[in-house]
Protein backbone atom coordinates (compact mmCIF):
# COMPACT_ATOMS: atom_id res chain seq x y z
CA MET A 1 0.00 0.00 0.00
CA ILE A 2 2.81 2.44 0.85
CA ASP A 3 4.48 1.72 -2.49
CA MET A 4 1.21 2.42 -4.29
CA ILE A 5 0.65 5.71 -2.46
CA TYR A 6 4.24 6.80 -2.94
CA ASN A 7 4.48 5.79 -6.59
CA LEU A 8 1.22 7.52 -7.48
CA ARG A 9 2.54 10.77 -6.01
CA VAL A 10 5.93 10.55 -7.70
CA GLY A 11 4.47 12.17 -10.82
CA ASP A 12 3.62 15.25 -8.77
CA ILE A 13 7.25 15.81 -7.83
CA HIS A 14 9.09 17.94 -10.35
CA ALA A 15 12.75 17.14 -10.86
CA ALA A 16 15.21 19.87 -10.05
CA GLU A 17 17.69 21.06 -12.61
CA PHE A 18 21.19 19.64 -12.56
CA SER A 19 23.66 21.56 -10.43
CA ASP A 20 26.22 23.83 -12.03
CA GLU A 21 28.97 21.50 -10.83
CA PHE A 22 27.27 18.52 -12.51
CA ASN A 23 26.95 20.44 -15.77
CA LYS A 24 30.58 21.61 -15.63
CA LEU A 25 31.77 18.02 -15.20
CA CYS A 26 29.36 16.00 -17.32
CA ILE A 27 28.88 18.11 -20.43
CA PRO A 28 32.57 18.29 -21.40
CA PHE A 29 33.03 14.65 -20.39
CA GLU A 30 30.06 13.52 -22.49
CA ASN A 31 31.28 15.57 -25.46
CA SER A 32 34.57 13.66 -25.35
CA LEU A 33 32.89 10.24 -25.64
CA SER A 34 32.07 8.13 -28.67
CA GLU A 35 28.43 7.23 -29.41
CA GLU A 36 28.85 3.79 -27.82
CA GLN A 37 30.46 5.30 -24.72
CA ILE A 38 27.66 7.87 -24.46
CA ASP A 39 25.09 5.04 -24.46
CA VAL A 40 26.96 3.26 -21.65
CA PHE A 41 27.32 6.53 -19.72
CA HIS A 42 23.57 7.18 -19.98
CA LYS A 43 22.84 3.64 -18.78
CA ILE A 44 25.10 4.25 -15.77
CA LEU A 45 23.28 7.52 -15.02
CA ASP A 46 19.97 5.66 -15.25
CA CYS A 47 21.23 3.07 -12.74
CA VAL A 48 22.28 5.84 -10.37
CA SER A 49 18.85 7.47 -10.70
CA ASP A 50 17.06 4.16 -10.10
CA THR A 51 19.16 3.56 -6.99
CA ALA A 52 18.42 7.03 -5.65
CA ALA A 53 14.69 6.51 -6.28
CA ALA A 54 14.78 3.16 -4.45
CA GLU A 55 16.53 4.81 -1.50
CA MET A 56 13.88 7.54 -1.42
CA ARG A 57 11.09 4.93 -1.42
CA ALA A 58 12.79 3.04 1.41
CA ALA A 59 13.23 6.24 3.44
CA HIS A 60 9.57 7.10 2.85
CA LYS A 61 8.49 3.69 4.15
CA VAL A 62 10.65 4.02 7.27
CA GLY A 63 9.37 7.54 7.90
CA PHE A 64 5.79 6.43 7.47
CA LYS A 65 6.27 3.54 9.92
CA ASP A 66 7.99 5.83 12.42
CA GLY A 67 5.16 8.33 12.15
CA ALA A 68 2.56 5.63 12.68
CA THR A 69 4.46 4.36 15.74
CA VAL A 70 4.59 7.84 17.24
CA MET A 71 0.87 8.34 16.58
CA GLY A 72 0.11 5.02 18.26
CA GLU A 73 2.15 5.95 21.32
CA VAL A 74 0.50 9.38 21.55
CA LEU A 75 -2.98 7.85 21.41
CA LYS A 76 -2.26 5.42 24.29
């Protein structure tokens, strides 16, 4: 249920722009790569994004459970 609630709300969260530091590092680096290397680089970035999203979902679950525990203790 928590996954469903969280995943339905993900579309409401707008991604921030890349930082200036990221752009300074990645754009020149990407420009120096071949087409095949660019594809691999993008796949790596996708893996990093997927990992970050999974960590956010896990943190949301823990926070939700902690909040429910606190509410239960307050209501006792």
